[in-house]
Amino acid sequence: MRAERFFSRPPEAIWAGIGLLALVGLGAFLIPAGPLGIDQHWADAMKDVHSEFLQRVALVFNSLGIWPWRTVGLAAVACVLFATRRLLALVTFAAAEVLAPLLSTLLKALVDRPRPPGGLVHPVGSSYPSGHATDAGTTAVALVLLFTAAGPGRLAWWIAAGLGIAVMAWSRTYLQVHWLSDVIAGAALGIGVALVVFGSAQWRRPA
């Protein structure tokens, strides 16, 4: 398989990812059954800024994280990687996109945190961590690593990826289906998985 250079320093990316995953795991033990103080304050603030436009934006992001749009998006990326014969990149991308939601689902089952009351949509499962934020974190980081060159020239793309993750996280709290700590943990989980998986793939097969 073709060698890939996802990072300038893959060991540092791996350790950063491990650190994020450790924080998410710690949160799973520390998060109480009810909301934290900041969670409730944020939820109240989201209710206070309600508008039809913001609700539409949040609903668009809600759709992007579920069938069929998320599946179509992932399939499109996979097809591009396959067509350009980037098999290692394809396998790494697939591994990250499978592992992240798997860990999110496992944590949801273990923590079993109640969702906020009065959600504007009706997702299944418990609240911690946010699956949408997890998926956004994994995919946004993966896209930067797959389609931009390692180095300082990536800064603008990292900012764009961060904004995309932040808007997805915000949308889950605006729709009142996740607490703030859920989406922070979900984003950290997704980003952490992407860093560990892509860093490990390059470290084992350096460019």
N, C-alpha and C. Protein backbone atom coordinates (compact mmCIF):
# COMPACT_ATOMS: atom_id res chain seq x y z
N MET A 1 0.84 -1.21 0.00
CA MET A 1 0.00 0.00 0.00
C MET A 1 0.87 1.25 0.00
N ARG A 2 0.38 2.30 -0.63
CA ARG A 2 1.11 3.55 -0.73
C ARG A 2 1.32 4.17 0.66
N ALA A 3 2.55 4.61 0.91
CA ALA A 3 2.84 5.28 2.18
C ALA A 3 2.12 6.62 2.23
N GLU A 4 1.70 7.00 3.42
CA GLU A 4 0.98 8.24 3.62
C GLU A 4 1.69 9.07 4.69
N ARG A 5 1.64 10.38 4.53
CA ARG A 5 2.22 11.27 5.53
C ARG A 5 1.10 12.16 6.07
N PHE A 6 0.42 11.66 7.09
CA PHE A 6 -0.68 12.40 7.69
C PHE A 6 -0.20 13.50 8.63
N PHE A 7 0.91 13.23 9.33
CA PHE A 7 1.44 14.16 10.34
C PHE A 7 2.92 14.40 10.11
N SER A 8 3.40 15.55 10.58
CA SER A 8 4.84 15.80 10.61
C SER A 8 5.49 14.98 11.72
N ARG A 9 4.77 14.84 12.85
CA ARG A 9 5.29 14.09 14.01
C ARG A 9 4.18 13.18 14.54
N PRO A 10 4.03 12.00 13.97
CA PRO A 10 2.92 11.12 14.38
C PRO A 10 2.92 10.72 15.85
N PRO A 11 4.07 10.49 16.51
CA PRO A 11 4.00 10.12 17.93
C PRO A 11 3.30 11.19 18.78
N GLU A 12 3.55 12.46 18.47
CA GLU A 12 2.90 13.52 19.23
C GLU A 12 1.39 13.52 19.01
N ALA A 13 0.99 13.23 17.79
CA ALA A 13 -0.45 13.16 17.50
C ALA A 13 -1.09 12.01 18.26
N ILE A 14 -0.40 10.89 18.33
CA ILE A 14 -0.94 9.73 19.05
C ILE A 14 -1.11 10.06 20.53
N TRP A 15 -0.09 10.67 21.13
CA TRP A 15 -0.19 10.99 22.56
C TRP A 15 -1.26 12.03 22.84
N ALA A 16 -1.41 12.99 21.92
CA ALA A 16 -2.49 13.97 22.09
C ALA A 16 -3.85 13.28 22.03
N GLY A 17 -4.00 12.35 21.10
CA GLY A 17 -5.26 11.60 20.99
C GLY A 17 -5.53 10.77 22.23
N ILE A 18 -4.50 10.12 22.74
CA ILE A 18 -4.67 9.32 23.96
C ILE A 18 -5.10 10.20 25.12
N GLY A 19 -4.51 11.39 25.21
CA GLY A 19 -4.89 12.32 26.27
C GLY A 19 -6.36 12.71 26.18
N LEU A 20 -6.85 12.99 24.98
CA LEU A 20 -8.26 13.33 24.80
C LEU A 20 -9.15 12.15 25.18
N LEU A 21 -8.78 10.95 24.77
CA LEU A 21 -9.59 9.78 25.10
C LEU A 21 -9.61 9.53 26.60
N ALA A 22 -8.48 9.79 27.26
CA ALA A 22 -8.44 9.62 28.71
C ALA A 22 -9.37 10.60 29.41
N LEU A 23 -9.43 11.84 28.91
CA LEU A 23 -10.34 12.83 29.49
C LEU A 23 -11.80 12.43 29.31
N VAL A 24 -12.11 11.87 28.14
CA VAL A 24 -13.49 11.41 27.91
C VAL A 24 -13.83 10.27 28.85
N GLY A 25 -12.88 9.34 29.02
CA GLY A 25 -13.11 8.23 29.94
C GLY A 25 -13.26 8.71 31.37
N LEU A 26 -12.46 9.69 31.77
CA LEU A 26 -12.59 10.24 33.12
C LEU A 26 -13.95 10.89 33.30
N GLY A 27 -14.40 11.60 32.27
CA GLY A 27 -15.71 12.23 32.32
C GLY A 27 -16.83 11.23 32.51
N ALA A 28 -16.66 10.04 31.92
CA ALA A 28 -17.69 9.01 32.05
C ALA A 28 -17.87 8.59 33.51
N PHE A 29 -16.80 8.68 34.29
CA PHE A 29 -16.90 8.33 35.71
C PHE A 29 -17.37 9.51 36.57
N LEU A 30 -17.07 10.73 36.13
CA LEU A 30 -17.35 11.90 36.96
C LEU A 30 -18.70 12.54 36.66
N ILE A 31 -19.22 12.32 35.45
CA ILE A 31 -20.51 12.94 35.08
C ILE A 31 -21.61 12.35 35.95
N PRO A 32 -22.36 13.17 36.65
CA PRO A 32 -23.45 12.66 37.48
C PRO A 32 -24.66 12.31 36.64
N ALA A 33 -25.67 11.76 37.25
CA ALA A 33 -26.89 11.39 36.53
C ALA A 33 -27.59 12.63 35.98
N GLY A 34 -27.53 13.73 36.70
CA GLY A 34 -28.17 14.97 36.26
C GLY A 34 -27.17 15.91 35.63
N PRO A 35 -27.61 17.11 35.21
CA PRO A 35 -26.72 18.06 34.56
C PRO A 35 -25.77 18.72 35.54
N LEU A 36 -24.60 19.12 35.03
CA LEU A 36 -23.71 19.96 35.80
C LEU A 36 -24.26 21.39 35.81
N GLY A 37 -23.72 22.23 36.68
CA GLY A 37 -24.21 23.60 36.73
C GLY A 37 -24.08 24.31 35.40
N ILE A 38 -22.91 24.17 34.76
CA ILE A 38 -22.71 24.84 33.47
C ILE A 38 -23.61 24.25 32.40
N ASP A 39 -23.92 22.97 32.51
CA ASP A 39 -24.84 22.34 31.55
C ASP A 39 -26.20 23.01 31.58
N GLN A 40 -26.72 23.23 32.78
CA GLN A 40 -28.05 23.81 32.90
C GLN A 40 -28.05 25.26 32.46
N HIS A 41 -26.99 25.99 32.80
CA HIS A 41 -26.90 27.39 32.38
C HIS A 41 -26.87 27.49 30.85
N TRP A 42 -26.10 26.60 30.22
CA TRP A 42 -26.01 26.62 28.76
C TRP A 42 -27.35 26.24 28.13
N ALA A 43 -28.01 25.23 28.67
CA ALA A 43 -29.31 24.82 28.14
C ALA A 43 -30.32 25.96 28.24
N ASP A 44 -30.31 26.68 29.36
CA ASP A 44 -31.21 27.82 29.52
C ASP A 44 -30.89 28.92 28.51
N ALA A 45 -29.60 29.14 28.27
CA ALA A 45 -29.19 30.17 27.31
C ALA A 45 -29.65 29.82 25.90
N MET A 46 -29.60 28.53 25.55
CA MET A 46 -30.04 28.10 24.23
C MET A 46 -31.55 28.34 24.05
N LYS A 47 -32.29 28.16 25.10
CA LYS A 47 -33.73 28.43 25.02
C LYS A 47 -34.00 29.92 24.86
N ASP A 48 -33.17 30.75 25.48
CA ASP A 48 -33.37 32.20 25.43
C ASP A 48 -33.08 32.79 24.05
N VAL A 49 -32.21 32.12 23.26
CA VAL A 49 -31.84 32.66 21.94
C VAL A 49 -32.59 31.96 20.82
N HIS A 50 -33.70 31.36 21.14
CA HIS A 50 -34.45 30.60 20.13
C HIS A 50 -34.91 31.50 18.99
N SER A 51 -34.71 31.01 17.76
CA SER A 51 -35.23 31.69 16.57
C SER A 51 -35.46 30.64 15.49
N GLU A 52 -36.31 30.97 14.53
CA GLU A 52 -36.61 30.03 13.45
C GLU A 52 -35.37 29.75 12.60
N PHE A 53 -34.57 30.79 12.34
CA PHE A 53 -33.36 30.60 11.54
C PHE A 53 -32.38 29.65 12.22
N LEU A 54 -32.10 29.89 13.51
CA LEU A 54 -31.17 29.03 14.23
C LEU A 54 -31.68 27.60 14.31
N GLN A 55 -32.99 27.44 14.47
CA GLN A 55 -33.54 26.09 14.51
C GLN A 55 -33.35 25.37 13.18
N ARG A 56 -33.50 26.10 12.09
CA ARG A 56 -33.30 25.47 10.78
C ARG A 56 -31.85 25.05 10.59
N VAL A 57 -30.92 25.92 11.01
CA VAL A 57 -29.50 25.57 10.92
C VAL A 57 -29.21 24.32 11.74
N ALA A 58 -29.74 24.29 12.96
CA ALA A 58 -29.51 23.13 13.83
C ALA A 58 -30.11 21.87 13.24
N LEU A 59 -31.27 21.97 12.61
CA LEU A 59 -31.89 20.80 12.01
C LEU A 59 -31.11 20.30 10.79
N VAL A 60 -30.50 21.24 10.05
CA VAL A 60 -29.64 20.82 8.93
C VAL A 60 -28.47 19.99 9.44
N PHE A 61 -27.83 20.46 10.50
CA PHE A 61 -26.71 19.71 11.07
C PHE A 61 -27.17 18.40 11.68
N ASN A 62 -28.37 18.39 12.23
CA ASN A 62 -28.91 17.13 12.73
C ASN A 62 -29.02 16.11 11.60
N SER A 63 -29.50 16.55 10.43
CA SER A 63 -29.64 15.65 9.28
C SER A 63 -28.30 15.17 8.76
N LEU A 64 -27.29 16.05 8.81
CA LEU A 64 -25.97 15.66 8.31
C LEU A 64 -25.36 14.53 9.13
N GLY A 65 -25.81 14.36 10.35
CA GLY A 65 -25.24 13.33 11.21
C GLY A 65 -25.97 12.00 11.21
N ILE A 66 -27.01 11.88 10.39
CA ILE A 66 -27.80 10.64 10.37
C ILE A 66 -27.99 10.16 8.94
N TRP A 67 -28.55 8.96 8.81
CA TRP A 67 -28.88 8.39 7.51
C TRP A 67 -29.90 9.28 6.80
N PRO A 68 -29.75 9.50 5.46
CA PRO A 68 -28.73 8.93 4.58
C PRO A 68 -27.53 9.82 4.35
N TRP A 69 -27.60 11.10 4.82
CA TRP A 69 -26.58 12.06 4.40
C TRP A 69 -25.20 11.71 4.93
N ARG A 70 -25.11 11.24 6.16
CA ARG A 70 -23.78 10.89 6.66
C ARG A 70 -23.20 9.71 5.89
N THR A 71 -24.02 8.72 5.61
CA THR A 71 -23.55 7.55 4.86
C THR A 71 -23.09 7.95 3.47
N VAL A 72 -23.84 8.82 2.81
CA VAL A 72 -23.46 9.29 1.47
C VAL A 72 -22.12 10.03 1.53
N GLY A 73 -21.95 10.88 2.52
CA GLY A 73 -20.70 11.62 2.64
C GLY A 73 -19.50 10.72 2.86
N LEU A 74 -19.63 9.75 3.77
CA LEU A 74 -18.53 8.83 4.04
C LEU A 74 -18.23 7.98 2.81
N ALA A 75 -19.27 7.55 2.11
CA ALA A 75 -19.07 6.74 0.91
C ALA A 75 -18.35 7.54 -0.16
N ALA A 76 -18.67 8.83 -0.29
CA ALA A 76 -18.01 9.67 -1.29
C ALA A 76 -16.51 9.78 -1.01
N VAL A 77 -16.16 10.00 0.26
CA VAL A 77 -14.74 10.08 0.62
C VAL A 77 -14.05 8.75 0.33
N ALA A 78 -14.69 7.65 0.70
CA ALA A 78 -14.11 6.32 0.46
C ALA A 78 -13.90 6.08 -1.03
N CYS A 79 -14.85 6.51 -1.86
CA CYS A 79 -14.73 6.31 -3.31
C CYS A 79 -13.56 7.10 -3.88
N VAL A 80 -13.36 8.32 -3.40
CA VAL A 80 -12.23 9.13 -3.86
C VAL A 80 -10.92 8.46 -3.50
N LEU A 81 -10.81 7.96 -2.27
CA LEU A 81 -9.57 7.30 -1.83
C LEU A 81 -9.33 6.02 -2.63
N PHE A 82 -10.38 5.28 -2.90
CA PHE A 82 -10.24 4.04 -3.67
C PHE A 82 -9.85 4.34 -5.11
N ALA A 83 -10.49 5.35 -5.70
CA ALA A 83 -10.22 5.69 -7.10
C ALA A 83 -8.78 6.18 -7.29
N THR A 84 -8.24 6.83 -6.27
CA THR A 84 -6.86 7.33 -6.36
C THR A 84 -5.85 6.32 -5.79
N ARG A 85 -6.32 5.12 -5.51
CA ARG A 85 -5.47 4.01 -5.05
C ARG A 85 -4.73 4.32 -3.76
N ARG A 86 -5.37 5.09 -2.90
CA ARG A 86 -4.80 5.38 -1.58
C ARG A 86 -5.38 4.37 -0.59
N LEU A 87 -4.93 3.14 -0.69
CA LEU A 87 -5.54 2.06 0.07
C LEU A 87 -5.27 2.17 1.57
N LEU A 88 -4.05 2.58 1.93
CA LEU A 88 -3.76 2.75 3.35
C LEU A 88 -4.64 3.86 3.93
N ALA A 89 -4.79 4.95 3.20
CA ALA A 89 -5.65 6.04 3.66
C ALA A 89 -7.09 5.57 3.79
N LEU A 90 -7.55 4.76 2.85
CA LEU A 90 -8.92 4.24 2.89
C LEU A 90 -9.13 3.36 4.10
N VAL A 91 -8.21 2.45 4.35
CA VAL A 91 -8.33 1.54 5.51
C VAL A 91 -8.29 2.33 6.81
N THR A 92 -7.40 3.33 6.88
CA THR A 92 -7.28 4.14 8.09
C THR A 92 -8.55 4.96 8.33
N PHE A 93 -9.06 5.56 7.26
CA PHE A 93 -10.31 6.32 7.35
C PHE A 93 -11.46 5.44 7.83
N ALA A 94 -11.57 4.25 7.24
CA ALA A 94 -12.64 3.33 7.63
C ALA A 94 -12.50 2.91 9.08
N ALA A 95 -11.26 2.64 9.52
CA ALA A 95 -11.05 2.22 10.90
C ALA A 95 -11.47 3.31 11.87
N ALA A 96 -11.11 4.55 11.59
CA ALA A 96 -11.48 5.66 12.48
C ALA A 96 -12.99 5.85 12.51
N GLU A 97 -13.64 5.76 11.34
CA GLU A 97 -15.08 6.00 11.26
C GLU A 97 -15.90 4.86 11.86
N VAL A 98 -15.31 3.70 12.01
CA VAL A 98 -15.99 2.59 12.68
C VAL A 98 -15.73 2.63 14.18
N LEU A 99 -14.48 2.89 14.56
CA LEU A 99 -14.11 2.84 15.97
C LEU A 99 -14.76 3.95 16.79
N ALA A 100 -14.82 5.16 16.25
CA ALA A 100 -15.36 6.29 17.01
C ALA A 100 -16.82 6.08 17.42
N PRO A 101 -17.73 5.77 16.49
CA PRO A 101 -19.11 5.55 16.92
C PRO A 101 -19.27 4.31 17.81
N LEU A 102 -18.40 3.32 17.61
CA LEU A 102 -18.45 2.13 18.47
C LEU A 102 -18.14 2.50 19.91
N LEU A 103 -17.10 3.31 20.11
CA LEU A 103 -16.75 3.75 21.46
C LEU A 103 -17.84 4.65 22.04
N SER A 104 -18.41 5.51 21.18
CA SER A 104 -19.48 6.39 21.65
C SER A 104 -20.68 5.58 22.13
N THR A 105 -21.05 4.57 21.36
CA THR A 105 -22.18 3.72 21.74
C THR A 105 -21.90 2.97 23.04
N LEU A 106 -20.69 2.49 23.18
CA LEU A 106 -20.31 1.78 24.41
C LEU A 106 -20.39 2.70 25.62
N LEU A 107 -19.88 3.91 25.49
CA LEU A 107 -19.94 4.87 26.61
C LEU A 107 -21.38 5.25 26.94
N LYS A 108 -22.20 5.42 25.91
CA LYS A 108 -23.60 5.73 26.16
C LYS A 108 -24.25 4.64 27.02
N ALA A 109 -23.96 3.40 26.69
CA ALA A 109 -24.54 2.28 27.44
C ALA A 109 -24.01 2.23 28.87
N LEU A 110 -22.72 2.54 29.04
CA LEU A 110 -22.12 2.46 30.37
C LEU A 110 -22.57 3.61 31.26
N VAL A 111 -22.63 4.82 30.71
CA VAL A 111 -22.95 6.00 31.52
C VAL A 111 -24.46 6.14 31.71
N ASP A 112 -25.22 5.90 30.65
CA ASP A 112 -26.69 5.94 30.68
C ASP A 112 -27.20 7.27 31.26
N ARG A 113 -26.67 8.35 30.76
CA ARG A 113 -27.05 9.67 31.25
C ARG A 113 -28.36 10.13 30.60
N PRO A 114 -29.31 10.63 31.38
CA PRO A 114 -30.56 11.12 30.79
C PRO A 114 -30.32 12.34 29.90
N ARG A 115 -31.10 12.44 28.84
CA ARG A 115 -31.02 13.61 27.97
C ARG A 115 -31.77 14.79 28.59
N PRO A 116 -31.49 16.00 28.11
CA PRO A 116 -32.24 17.16 28.60
C PRO A 116 -33.73 17.01 28.25
N PRO A 117 -34.60 17.57 29.05
CA PRO A 117 -36.03 17.51 28.74
C PRO A 117 -36.40 18.45 27.60
N GLY A 118 -37.46 18.11 26.88
CA GLY A 118 -38.01 19.03 25.88
C GLY A 118 -37.22 19.14 24.60
N GLY A 119 -36.56 18.05 24.17
CA GLY A 119 -35.80 18.09 22.94
C GLY A 119 -36.66 18.37 21.72
N LEU A 120 -36.08 19.10 20.74
CA LEU A 120 -36.82 19.45 19.53
C LEU A 120 -36.78 18.34 18.49
N VAL A 121 -35.90 17.36 18.67
CA VAL A 121 -35.90 16.14 17.88
C VAL A 121 -35.85 14.99 18.88
N HIS A 122 -35.97 13.78 18.40
CA HIS A 122 -36.11 12.65 19.32
C HIS A 122 -35.12 11.53 18.98
N PRO A 123 -33.83 11.74 19.32
CA PRO A 123 -32.83 10.70 19.08
C PRO A 123 -32.98 9.55 20.06
N VAL A 124 -32.38 8.43 19.72
CA VAL A 124 -32.41 7.27 20.61
C VAL A 124 -31.11 7.21 21.41
N GLY A 125 -31.12 6.45 22.48
CA GLY A 125 -29.93 6.28 23.29
C GLY A 125 -29.79 7.34 24.36
N SER A 126 -28.77 7.18 25.19
CA SER A 126 -28.55 8.10 26.28
C SER A 126 -27.70 9.29 25.82
N SER A 127 -27.34 10.15 26.74
CA SER A 127 -26.85 11.48 26.38
C SER A 127 -25.33 11.60 26.29
N TYR A 128 -24.58 10.88 27.12
CA TYR A 128 -23.12 11.06 27.16
C TYR A 128 -22.41 9.89 26.50
N PRO A 129 -21.56 10.17 25.51
CA PRO A 129 -21.26 11.45 24.85
C PRO A 129 -22.17 11.65 23.63
N SER A 130 -22.10 12.81 23.01
CA SER A 130 -22.89 13.07 21.82
C SER A 130 -22.34 12.30 20.63
N GLY A 131 -23.17 11.48 20.01
CA GLY A 131 -22.74 10.74 18.83
C GLY A 131 -22.50 11.65 17.64
N HIS A 132 -23.35 12.66 17.46
CA HIS A 132 -23.16 13.61 16.36
C HIS A 132 -21.83 14.35 16.50
N ALA A 133 -21.52 14.80 17.72
CA ALA A 133 -20.25 15.51 17.93
C ALA A 133 -19.06 14.57 17.75
N THR A 134 -19.21 13.32 18.18
CA THR A 134 -18.15 12.33 17.96
C THR A 134 -17.88 12.16 16.48
N ASP A 135 -18.93 11.95 15.70
CA ASP A 135 -18.77 11.74 14.27
C ASP A 135 -18.17 12.97 13.60
N ALA A 136 -18.63 14.15 14.01
CA ALA A 136 -18.10 15.39 13.43
C ALA A 136 -16.61 15.54 13.72
N GLY A 137 -16.22 15.23 14.96
CA GLY A 137 -14.81 15.33 15.31
C GLY A 137 -13.95 14.38 14.50
N THR A 138 -14.38 13.14 14.37
CA THR A 138 -13.62 12.16 13.60
C THR A 138 -13.51 12.56 12.15
N THR A 139 -14.64 12.88 11.53
CA THR A 139 -14.65 13.14 10.10
C THR A 139 -13.93 14.43 9.74
N ALA A 140 -14.14 15.49 10.53
CA ALA A 140 -13.48 16.76 10.22
C ALA A 140 -11.96 16.62 10.29
N VAL A 141 -11.46 15.97 11.33
CA VAL A 141 -10.02 15.76 11.45
C VAL A 141 -9.52 14.86 10.33
N ALA A 142 -10.26 13.80 10.03
CA ALA A 142 -9.85 12.88 8.98
C ALA A 142 -9.74 13.59 7.63
N LEU A 143 -10.68 14.46 7.31
CA LEU A 143 -10.65 15.16 6.03
C LEU A 143 -9.41 16.05 5.90
N VAL A 144 -9.05 16.73 6.98
CA VAL A 144 -7.85 17.55 6.95
C VAL A 144 -6.62 16.67 6.74
N LEU A 145 -6.54 15.57 7.46
CA LEU A 145 -5.38 14.69 7.36
C LEU A 145 -5.28 14.02 6.00
N LEU A 146 -6.41 13.72 5.40
CA LEU A 146 -6.42 13.00 4.13
C LEU A 146 -6.12 13.89 2.93
N PHE A 147 -6.58 15.14 2.98
CA PHE A 147 -6.57 15.95 1.76
C PHE A 147 -5.76 17.23 1.84
N THR A 148 -4.99 17.41 2.90
CA THR A 148 -4.07 18.54 2.97
C THR A 148 -2.69 18.04 3.38
N ALA A 149 -1.67 18.80 3.00
CA ALA A 149 -0.30 18.39 3.29
C ALA A 149 0.06 18.74 4.72
N ALA A 150 0.82 17.84 5.36
CA ALA A 150 1.25 18.07 6.73
C ALA A 150 2.13 19.31 6.79
N GLY A 151 1.92 20.11 7.84
CA GLY A 151 2.75 21.29 8.01
C GLY A 151 1.92 22.51 8.37
N PRO A 152 2.57 23.67 8.48
CA PRO A 152 1.87 24.89 8.91
C PRO A 152 0.83 25.38 7.91
N GLY A 153 0.91 24.95 6.65
CA GLY A 153 -0.07 25.36 5.66
C GLY A 153 -1.47 24.85 5.94
N ARG A 154 -1.59 23.96 6.89
CA ARG A 154 -2.90 23.40 7.25
C ARG A 154 -3.71 24.29 8.18
N LEU A 155 -3.13 25.35 8.68
CA LEU A 155 -3.78 26.10 9.74
C LEU A 155 -5.20 26.51 9.37
N ALA A 156 -5.39 27.05 8.18
CA ALA A 156 -6.73 27.49 7.78
C ALA A 156 -7.71 26.33 7.76
N TRP A 157 -7.22 25.16 7.33
CA TRP A 157 -8.10 23.99 7.27
C TRP A 157 -8.43 23.48 8.67
N TRP A 158 -7.46 23.57 9.59
CA TRP A 158 -7.75 23.18 10.97
C TRP A 158 -8.79 24.12 11.59
N ILE A 159 -8.71 25.41 11.27
CA ILE A 159 -9.70 26.35 11.77
C ILE A 159 -11.07 26.02 11.22
N ALA A 160 -11.14 25.71 9.91
CA ALA A 160 -12.42 25.36 9.29
C ALA A 160 -12.98 24.09 9.92
N ALA A 161 -12.12 23.10 10.16
CA ALA A 161 -12.57 21.86 10.78
C ALA A 161 -13.09 22.13 12.19
N GLY A 162 -12.37 22.96 12.94
CA GLY A 162 -12.80 23.30 14.30
C GLY A 162 -14.15 24.00 14.31
N LEU A 163 -14.36 24.90 13.35
CA LEU A 163 -15.64 25.58 13.27
C LEU A 163 -16.78 24.61 12.95
N GLY A 164 -16.51 23.68 12.04
CA GLY A 164 -17.53 22.68 11.71
C GLY A 164 -17.90 21.82 12.91
N ILE A 165 -16.90 21.39 13.66
CA ILE A 165 -17.15 20.59 14.86
C ILE A 165 -17.93 21.41 15.89
N ALA A 166 -17.53 22.68 16.05
CA ALA A 166 -18.19 23.53 17.04
C ALA A 166 -19.66 23.77 16.69
N VAL A 167 -19.95 23.99 15.40
CA VAL A 167 -21.34 24.22 15.01
C VAL A 167 -22.17 22.95 15.21
N MET A 168 -21.60 21.80 14.88
CA MET A 168 -22.33 20.56 15.12
C MET A 168 -22.61 20.39 16.61
N ALA A 169 -21.60 20.65 17.45
CA ALA A 169 -21.78 20.52 18.89
C ALA A 169 -22.85 21.50 19.39
N TRP A 170 -22.76 22.75 18.91
CA TRP A 170 -23.76 23.75 19.30
C TRP A 170 -25.16 23.29 18.92
N SER A 171 -25.31 22.73 17.71
CA SER A 171 -26.64 22.35 17.22
C SER A 171 -27.31 21.33 18.13
N ARG A 172 -26.51 20.44 18.73
CA ARG A 172 -27.08 19.40 19.60
C ARG A 172 -27.61 20.01 20.89
N THR A 173 -26.92 21.04 21.38
CA THR A 173 -27.41 21.70 22.60
C THR A 173 -28.56 22.63 22.26
N TYR A 174 -28.53 23.25 21.09
CA TYR A 174 -29.63 24.13 20.71
C TYR A 174 -30.93 23.35 20.55
N LEU A 175 -30.83 22.13 20.02
CA LEU A 175 -32.01 21.27 19.87
C LEU A 175 -32.41 20.61 21.18
N GLN A 176 -31.65 20.89 22.25
CA GLN A 176 -31.98 20.38 23.60
C GLN A 176 -31.97 18.85 23.67
N VAL A 177 -31.05 18.24 22.91
CA VAL A 177 -30.94 16.78 22.97
C VAL A 177 -29.64 16.34 23.65
N HIS A 178 -28.76 17.30 23.98
CA HIS A 178 -27.52 17.00 24.69
C HIS A 178 -27.17 18.15 25.62
N TRP A 179 -26.53 17.79 26.73
CA TRP A 179 -25.93 18.78 27.61
C TRP A 179 -24.61 19.24 27.02
N LEU A 180 -24.14 20.40 27.44
CA LEU A 180 -22.89 20.94 26.94
C LEU A 180 -21.73 19.97 27.15
N SER A 181 -21.67 19.35 28.31
CA SER A 181 -20.57 18.41 28.58
C SER A 181 -20.63 17.19 27.68
N ASP A 182 -21.82 16.83 27.20
CA ASP A 182 -21.95 15.70 26.26
C ASP A 182 -21.26 16.00 24.94
N VAL A 183 -21.47 17.21 24.43
CA VAL A 183 -20.93 17.53 23.11
C VAL A 183 -19.42 17.79 23.19
N ILE A 184 -18.97 18.35 24.31
CA ILE A 184 -17.52 18.52 24.48
C ILE A 184 -16.84 17.15 24.51
N ALA A 185 -17.43 16.23 25.27
CA ALA A 185 -16.87 14.88 25.34
C ALA A 185 -16.94 14.18 23.99
N GLY A 186 -18.05 14.35 23.28
CA GLY A 186 -18.18 13.71 21.98
C GLY A 186 -17.14 14.22 20.99
N ALA A 187 -16.96 15.53 20.93
CA ALA A 187 -15.95 16.10 20.03
C ALA A 187 -14.56 15.60 20.39
N ALA A 188 -14.24 15.58 21.69
CA ALA A 188 -12.93 15.10 22.14
C ALA A 188 -12.74 13.64 21.78
N LEU A 189 -13.79 12.84 21.91
CA LEU A 189 -13.70 11.42 21.56
C LEU A 189 -13.41 11.25 20.08
N GLY A 190 -14.16 11.96 19.23
CA GLY A 190 -13.95 11.82 17.80
C GLY A 190 -12.58 12.28 17.36
N ILE A 191 -12.15 13.43 17.88
CA ILE A 191 -10.83 13.95 17.53
C ILE A 191 -9.75 13.00 18.03
N GLY A 192 -9.91 12.52 19.26
CA GLY A 192 -8.92 11.61 19.82
C GLY A 192 -8.77 10.34 19.03
N VAL A 193 -9.88 9.75 18.62
CA VAL A 193 -9.82 8.52 17.81
C VAL A 193 -9.10 8.79 16.50
N ALA A 194 -9.44 9.90 15.83
CA ALA A 194 -8.80 10.21 14.56
C ALA A 194 -7.29 10.39 14.72
N LEU A 195 -6.87 11.10 15.75
CA LEU A 195 -5.44 11.31 15.97
C LEU A 195 -4.71 10.00 16.23
N VAL A 196 -5.28 9.15 17.05
CA VAL A 196 -4.63 7.88 17.38
C VAL A 196 -4.58 6.96 16.17
N VAL A 197 -5.68 6.83 15.46
CA VAL A 197 -5.75 5.89 14.33
C VAL A 197 -4.85 6.35 13.19
N PHE A 198 -4.95 7.62 12.80
CA PHE A 198 -4.12 8.10 11.69
C PHE A 198 -2.65 8.17 12.09
N GLY A 199 -2.38 8.58 13.32
CA GLY A 199 -0.99 8.61 13.77
C GLY A 199 -0.38 7.23 13.81
N SER A 200 -1.13 6.24 14.27
CA SER A 200 -0.62 4.86 14.34
C SER A 200 -0.38 4.31 12.95
N ALA A 201 -1.27 4.61 12.01
CA ALA A 201 -1.11 4.12 10.64
C ALA A 201 0.17 4.64 10.01
N GLN A 202 0.50 5.92 10.26
CA GLN A 202 1.72 6.48 9.70
C GLN A 202 2.95 6.00 10.45
N TRP A 203 2.85 5.89 11.75
CA TRP A 203 4.00 5.50 12.55
C TRP A 203 4.45 4.08 12.20
N ARG A 204 3.48 3.23 11.94
CA ARG A 204 3.80 1.84 11.60
C ARG A 204 4.31 1.72 10.16
N ARG A 205 3.93 2.69 9.32
CA ARG A 205 4.32 2.66 7.92
C ARG A 205 4.74 4.07 7.52
N PRO A 206 5.90 4.53 7.97
CA PRO A 206 6.28 5.92 7.76
C PRO A 206 6.42 6.27 6.29
N ALA A 207 6.14 7.57 5.99
CA ALA A 207 6.25 8.04 4.60
C ALA A 207 7.71 8.19 4.21
